[in-house]
Structure formats: C-alpha cells, structure tokens
C-alpha atoms as a PDB file:
ATOM      1  CA  ILE A   1     -18.947   2.224 -35.016  1.00  0.00           C
ATOM      2  CA  ASP A   2     -16.053   1.262 -37.267  1.00  0.00           C
ATOM      3  CA  ALA A   3     -16.160   4.684 -38.967  1.00  0.00           C
ATOM      4  CA  ALA A   4     -16.016   6.410 -35.570  1.00  0.00           C
ATOM      5  CA  LEU A   5     -13.012   4.290 -34.572  1.00  0.00           C
ATOM      6  CA  GLY A   6     -11.177   5.170 -37.780  1.00  0.00           C
ATOM      7  CA  GLY A   7     -11.331   8.900 -37.109  1.00  0.00           C
ATOM      8  CA  VAL A   8     -10.009   8.728 -33.565  1.00  0.00           C
ATOM      9  CA  VAL A   9      -6.269   8.236 -33.996  1.00  0.00           C
ATOM     10  CA  GLY A  10      -3.668  10.688 -35.277  1.00  0.00           C
ATOM     11  CA  GLY A  11       0.073  10.424 -34.494  1.00  0.00           C
ATOM     12  CA  GLY A  12       2.452  10.671 -31.506  1.00  0.00           C
ATOM     13  CA  SER A  13       2.980   8.588 -28.383  1.00  0.00           C
ATOM     14  CA  GLU A  14      -0.474   9.182 -26.833  1.00  0.00           C
ATOM     15  CA  GLU A  15      -2.049   8.444 -30.185  1.00  0.00           C
ATOM     16  CA  GLU A  16       0.036   5.268 -30.484  1.00  0.00           C
ATOM     17  CA  GLU A  17      -1.301   4.103 -27.106  1.00  0.00           C
ATOM     18  CA  ALA A  18      -4.828   5.036 -28.190  1.00  0.00           C
ATOM     19  CA  SER A  19      -4.267   3.069 -31.394  1.00  0.00           C
ATOM     20  CA  ARG A  20      -3.130   0.014 -29.407  1.00  0.00           C
ATOM     21  CA  GLN A  21      -6.148   0.292 -27.100  1.00  0.00           C
ATOM     22  CA  ILE A  22      -8.495   0.717 -30.048  1.00  0.00           C
ATOM     23  CA  GLY A  23      -7.013  -2.419 -31.609  1.00  0.00           C
ATOM     24  CA  VAL A  24      -7.987  -4.292 -28.448  1.00  0.00           C
ATOM     25  CA  ALA A  25     -11.377  -2.570 -28.079  1.00  0.00           C
ATOM     26  CA  ARG A  26     -12.466  -2.677 -31.748  1.00  0.00           C
ATOM     27  CA  PRO A  27     -13.779  -6.293 -31.736  1.00  0.00           C
ATOM     28  CA  LEU A  28     -15.659  -5.609 -28.496  1.00  0.00           C
ATOM     29  CA  LEU A  29     -17.174  -2.367 -29.771  1.00  0.00           C
ATOM     30  CA  LEU A  30     -18.226  -3.980 -33.045  1.00  0.00           C
ATOM     31  CA  SER A  31     -19.932  -6.691 -30.964  1.00  0.00           C
ATOM     32  CA  GLY A  32     -21.819  -4.031 -28.992  1.00  0.00           C
ATOM     33  CA  VAL A  33     -19.660  -4.089 -25.857  1.00  0.00           C
ATOM     34  CA  GLY A  34     -18.022  -0.874 -24.643  1.00  0.00           C
ATOM     35  CA  VAL A  35     -15.328  -0.403 -22.022  1.00  0.00           C
ATOM     36  CA  HIS A  36     -14.889   2.626 -19.757  1.00  0.00           C
ATOM     37  CA  HIS A  37     -12.222   3.024 -17.045  1.00  0.00           C
ATOM     38  CA  SER A  38      -9.510   5.464 -16.029  1.00  0.00           C
ATOM     39  CA  GLY A  39      -6.736   3.467 -17.711  1.00  0.00           C
ATOM     40  CA  LEU A  40      -8.174   4.129 -21.173  1.00  0.00           C
ATOM     41  CA  GLN A  41      -7.079   7.012 -23.328  1.00  0.00           C
ATOM     42  CA  PRO A  42      -9.620   9.845 -22.943  1.00  0.00           C
ATOM     43  CA  VAL A  43     -10.617   9.670 -26.609  1.00  0.00           C
ATOM     44  CA  LEU A  44     -11.603   6.002 -26.258  1.00  0.00           C
ATOM     45  CA  ARG A  45     -13.540   6.673 -23.024  1.00  0.00           C
ATOM     46  CA  GLU A  46     -15.412   9.505 -24.743  1.00  0.00           C
ATOM     47  CA  LEU A  47     -16.153   7.305 -27.743  1.00  0.00           C
ATOM     48  CA  SER A  48     -17.569   4.578 -25.489  1.00  0.00           C
ATOM     49  CA  GLU A  49     -19.705   7.179 -23.660  1.00  0.00           C
ATOM     50  CA  LEU A  50     -21.011   8.583 -26.941  1.00  0.00           C
ATOM     51  CA  LEU A  51     -21.780   5.206 -28.522  1.00  0.00           C
ATOM     52  CA  PHE A  52     -23.485   3.995 -25.339  1.00  0.00           C
ATOM     53  CA  SER A  53     -25.571   7.142 -24.914  1.00  0.00           C
ATOM     54  CA  GLU A  54     -26.631   6.919 -28.592  1.00  0.00           C
ATOM     55  CA  GLY A  55     -27.822   3.342 -28.017  1.00  0.00           C
ATOM     56  CA  LEU A  56     -25.202   1.774 -30.297  1.00  0.00           C
ATOM     57  CA  LEU A  57     -23.669  -0.264 -27.454  1.00  0.00           C
ATOM     58  CA  PRO A  58     -26.112  -2.474 -25.553  1.00  0.00           C
ATOM     59  CA  LEU A  59     -23.463  -3.228 -22.901  1.00  0.00           C
ATOM     60  CA  LEU A  60     -20.963  -0.919 -21.217  1.00  0.00           C
ATOM     61  CA  VAL A  61     -18.450  -2.459 -18.807  1.00  0.00           C
ATOM     62  CA  ALA A  62     -17.328   0.391 -16.587  1.00  0.00           C
ATOM     63  CA  THR A  63     -15.886   1.426 -13.271  1.00  0.00           C
ATOM     64  CA  GLU A  64     -17.765   3.769 -10.980  1.00  0.00           C
ATOM     65  CA  THR A  65     -16.374   6.804 -12.812  1.00  0.00           C
ATOM     66  CA  VAL A  66     -19.064   6.453 -15.454  1.00  0.00           C
ATOM     67  CA  ALA A  67     -21.755   6.739 -12.758  1.00  0.00           C
ATOM     68  CA  MET A  68     -20.096   9.607 -10.927  1.00  0.00           C
ATOM     69  CA  GLY A  69     -19.366  12.055 -13.692  1.00  0.00           C
ATOM     70  CA  VAL A  70     -21.143  11.035 -16.867  1.00  0.00           C
ATOM     71  CA  ASN A  71     -24.876  11.045 -17.509  1.00  0.00           C
ATOM     72  CA  THR A  72     -25.254   7.593 -19.048  1.00  0.00           C
ATOM     73  CA  PRO A  73     -28.454   5.946 -17.846  1.00  0.00           C
ATOM     74  CA  ALA A  74     -28.907   2.236 -18.556  1.00  0.00           C
ATOM     75  CA  ARG A  75     -31.847  -0.160 -18.345  1.00  0.00           C
ATOM     76  CA  THR A  76     -29.941  -2.435 -15.962  1.00  0.00           C
ATOM     77  CA  VAL A  77     -26.943  -1.743 -13.742  1.00  0.00           C
ATOM     78  CA  LEU A  78     -24.877  -4.724 -12.574  1.00  0.00           C
ATOM     79  CA  LEU A  79     -22.605  -4.103  -9.597  1.00  0.00           C
ATOM     80  CA  THR A  80     -19.898  -6.712  -9.091  1.00  0.00           C
ATOM     81  CA  GLY A  81     -17.328  -6.834  -6.332  1.00  0.00           C
ATOM     82  CA  GLY A  82     -19.877  -7.528  -3.608  1.00  0.00           C
ATOM     83  CA  GLY A  83     -20.546  -3.861  -3.013  1.00  0.00           C
ATOM     84  CA  SER A  84     -16.949  -3.202  -2.062  1.00  0.00           C
ATOM     85  CA  LYS A  85     -14.599  -0.653  -3.556  1.00  0.00           C
ATOM     86  CA  PHE A  86     -10.996   0.423  -3.218  1.00  0.00           C
ATOM     87  CA  ASP A  87     -10.906   3.972  -1.839  1.00  0.00           C
ATOM     88  CA  GLY A  88      -7.221   4.604  -2.536  1.00  0.00           C
ATOM     89  CA  THR A  89      -6.121   3.161   0.796  1.00  0.00           C
ATOM     90  CA  ARG A  90      -8.169   0.034   1.465  1.00  0.00           C
ATOM     91  CA  GLN A  91     -11.011  -2.138   0.264  1.00  0.00           C
ATOM     92  CA  ARG A  92     -14.306  -1.206   1.947  1.00  0.00           C
ATOM     93  CA  LEU A  93     -18.040  -1.439   1.445  1.00  0.00           C
ATOM     94  CA  MET A  94     -19.631   1.301  -0.606  1.00  0.00           C
ATOM     95  CA  LEU A  95     -21.283   4.104   1.288  1.00  0.00           C
ATOM     96  CA  PRO A  96     -25.050   4.491   0.810  1.00  0.00           C
ATOM     97  CA  THR A  97     -24.472   7.606  -1.314  1.00  0.00           C
ATOM     98  CA  GLU A  98     -22.035   5.734  -3.587  1.00  0.00           C
ATOM     99  CA  TYR A  99     -24.465   2.840  -4.025  1.00  0.00           C
ATOM    100  CA  THR A 100     -27.365   5.231  -4.695  1.00  0.00           C
ATOM    101  CA  GLN A 101     -25.330   7.151  -7.295  1.00  0.00           C
ATOM    102  CA  MET A 102     -24.429   3.998  -9.228  1.00  0.00           C
ATOM    103  CA  ALA A 103     -27.767   2.197  -8.856  1.00  0.00           C
ATOM    104  CA  GLY A 104     -29.511   5.427  -9.822  1.00  0.00           C
ATOM    105  CA  ARG A 105     -28.245   5.019 -13.381  1.00  0.00           C
ATOM    106  CA  ALA A 106     -30.772   2.190 -13.862  1.00  0.00           C
ATOM    107  CA  GLY A 107     -33.775   3.243 -15.923  1.00  0.00           C
ATOM    108  CA  ARG A 108     -33.680   5.542 -18.933  1.00  0.00           C
ATOM    109  CA  ARG A 109     -36.108   8.463 -18.796  1.00  0.00           C
ATOM    110  CA  GLY A 110     -38.663   8.170 -21.567  1.00  0.00           C
ATOM    111  CA  LYS A 111     -37.508   4.672 -22.583  1.00  0.00           C
ATOM    112  CA  ASP A 112     -37.948   2.334 -19.593  1.00  0.00           C
ATOM    113  CA  ALA A 113     -40.931   1.918 -17.275  1.00  0.00           C
ATOM    114  CA  PHE A 114     -38.407   0.995 -14.551  1.00  0.00           C
ATOM    115  CA  GLY A 115     -34.733   0.268 -14.073  1.00  0.00           C
ATOM    116  CA  ALA A 116     -33.064  -2.653 -12.364  1.00  0.00           C
ATOM    117  CA  CYS A 117     -29.919  -2.809 -10.271  1.00  0.00           C
ATOM    118  CA  VAL A 118     -28.337  -6.188  -9.595  1.00  0.00           C
ATOM    119  CA  LEU A 119     -25.789  -6.363  -6.778  1.00  0.00           C
ATOM    120  CA  LEU A 120     -23.622  -9.479  -6.719  1.00  0.00           C
ATOM    121  CA  ALA A 121     -22.902  -9.726  -2.993  1.00  0.00           C
ATOM    122  CA  HIS A 122     -20.099 -11.719  -1.375  1.00  0.00           C
ATOM    123  CA  GLU A 123     -20.717 -14.248   1.343  1.00  0.00           C
ATOM    124  CA  TRP A 124     -18.500 -12.201   3.701  1.00  0.00           C
ATOM    125  CA  CYS A 125     -20.898  -9.246   3.520  1.00  0.00           C
ATOM    126  CA  SER A 126     -23.046  -9.498   6.639  1.00  0.00           C
ATOM    127  CA  ALA A 127     -26.743  -8.703   6.571  1.00  0.00           C
ATOM    128  CA  ALA A 128     -26.121  -5.653   8.769  1.00  0.00           C
ATOM    129  CA  SER A 129     -23.366  -4.339   6.445  1.00  0.00           C
ATOM    130  CA  GLY A 130     -25.527  -4.917   3.394  1.00  0.00           C
ATOM    131  CA  GLU A 131     -28.491  -3.178   5.008  1.00  0.00           C
ATOM    132  CA  ALA A 132     -26.322  -0.185   5.915  1.00  0.00           C
ATOM    133  CA  MET A 133     -25.007   0.098   2.367  1.00  0.00           C
ATOM    134  CA  LEU A 134     -28.453  -0.225   0.781  1.00  0.00           C
ATOM    135  CA  SER A 135     -30.191   2.113   3.227  1.00  0.00           C
ATOM    136  CA  ARG A 136     -31.113   5.661   2.427  1.00  0.00           C
ATOM    137  CA  ARG A 137     -29.459   6.866   5.626  1.00  0.00           C
ATOM    138  CA  HIS A 138     -26.923   9.211   4.153  1.00  0.00           C
ATOM    139  CA  ALA A 139     -24.361  11.115   6.161  1.00  0.00           C
ATOM    140  CA  PRO A 140     -25.329  14.743   6.723  1.00  0.00           C
ATOM    141  CA  LEU A 141     -23.908  17.166   4.198  1.00  0.00           C
ATOM    142  CA  GLN A 142     -21.091  19.303   5.505  1.00  0.00           C
ATOM    143  CA  PRO A 143     -20.472  22.455   3.459  1.00  0.00           C
ATOM    144  CA  SER A 144     -16.841  23.096   2.656  1.00  0.00           C
ATOM    145  CA  HIS A 145     -17.302  26.683   1.426  1.00  0.00           C
ATOM    146  CA  ARG A 146     -17.869  29.443   3.943  1.00  0.00           C
ATOM    147  CA  ILE A 147     -19.761  32.512   2.842  1.00  0.00           C
ATOM    148  CA  THR A 148     -18.482  35.684   4.473  1.00  0.00           C
ATOM    149  CA  ALA A 149     -19.503  39.333   4.273  1.00  0.00           C
ATOM    150  CA  SER A 150     -16.068  40.521   3.142  1.00  0.00           C
END
C-alpha cells in the first residue's frame, strides 16, 4: 500500500492537493481503512477502489457514488444516515432503487455464501416509510430516448 501511495503524486496544484489528501489518508490506508467520496482527488479515489477490490483494504468508508458507478462488492454493507440522502435540494429517504443498488453490493461472488446489509435507521423514520424504502416496488422505467424511423 505504501509503495502504491508513493507513486501517486507528481507536481502542480492538483498534485499538491492530492499530496495533502494522501498525507491524511496514508495512516488510514496502512491500517486497512479506505476512503471514497467526491471531495477526494480522482487518483486517491481510484487507489482506494483498486486496493479495496484487490482485498488489501478490509474497510472502505464511502458515499453512495461507490455503489452507483464502481463494481466493488463487499461482504457487509453498512448504511448510516437512517436511509436518508441529500438529493441536491433536500434531505429525503432513499428510493427503493437507490437502497437496492447500495445494499446489492453486499456479498462477493465466489467468496461469500451470502452478503449482509445493515441499515442504521433513525427514530423519525416511520414503519411505513421504512417499508416503502425497503420494498421491491420500483417506479416504472420511463425511456428517455425515442427511436424513430428517420
């Protein structure tokens, strides 16, 4: 891990920020804890993804971006925040598709007999809201591309 960190940084302002972030992340990474969120320099996000997918990091602390765009299965997925998320405008409960996408990262094909997802719910989340979020009742898909003959 330390060798991979040493080859990441070059020069320039973006590289200086990456170097600062690596200085903060290095002790965590060497302890087996990775970090992944949009505020990190891309090179550090990619390094965390690579180390986690290679099994060198037993723990990856991440935002939902790692579940949405990166294929990084884990034995256990822990969802904090009570199932709520900020959608750019307001805080709201996750949609069933969002929950399914993130919880679906639990269980590594060929390595785990099963995966576990732990949701730390808030007391303000009603049973009905929780049931709606955890249900498999997804909104119907609406195509956004129209196929025409021309």
